[in-house]
Amino acid sequence: MNTDSSQKPRFVHEVSRLNGSNIPELLAMAAGDKKFFWFGLNYVQVVRLDAAPHFAARPLSLSGNWHRMRLESTATAFNGQRWWYVCPECGKRSAAMYWSPDKLACRKCMGLRYQSQYETFSSEFERLCHRVRKERIAIWGPNEPDVEFLMRKPSSFKRPKGMRKKTFRRKLERLQALDALWSGVALRHLNSWTDGE
């Protein structure tokens, strides 16, 4: 695990990865098959070692070191199964494998962080604005006109096509409670500006 605190944090969106969408391709490979998986301009070469889901992966690098990697499944509801990567470093299941020129590992072993873990807000007001916008976009999407205009009440937007009425009501009620909280904080925030005059 990356413990160097002087190094700036690296985020998951900055690093190449194999994710869940690559698993069907990996499982379809026969023993001995080789395949390249691209992520932007970087790639990893994967070789299936045997009939069990065991693989060797070699990221694009000058060293050309191979790393062992395997897949594991867990049972889901209705007799289904979900496949996971097993991290070669810690042995834990992971939804994605990240690679650098000399390493293939899970997010934690690579020392990667999510951008949202480092978001800083100077006030409760900014934090609430961000939460309300995020909830609105989760319901109506980023392309809905005025979705980020917080003065427009959530009840003025139509139910998104394809969303169940019950789901929409539940999400809308949660958003309206958050919006009411935001309104109170916004009023205090505006009053703090006028009190200073």
Foldseek 3Di string as FASTA:
>chain_A
DDDPPVDDAAAPVVFDKDFQVCVVVLLPDAAQDWDWDDDPPWIKIWGQHHNAFKIWIATDAPVRDIAIKGKDWDADPPRDIGIFIQFSPPRDTDRMWTDDNVGIGHCVVVRHDHPVVPDDDPDPLVVLLVVLLVLLCVFANPPPPCSSVLVDQPVVDDGDPPDDPVVSVVSNVVSNVSSVVSVVVVVVVVVVVVVVD
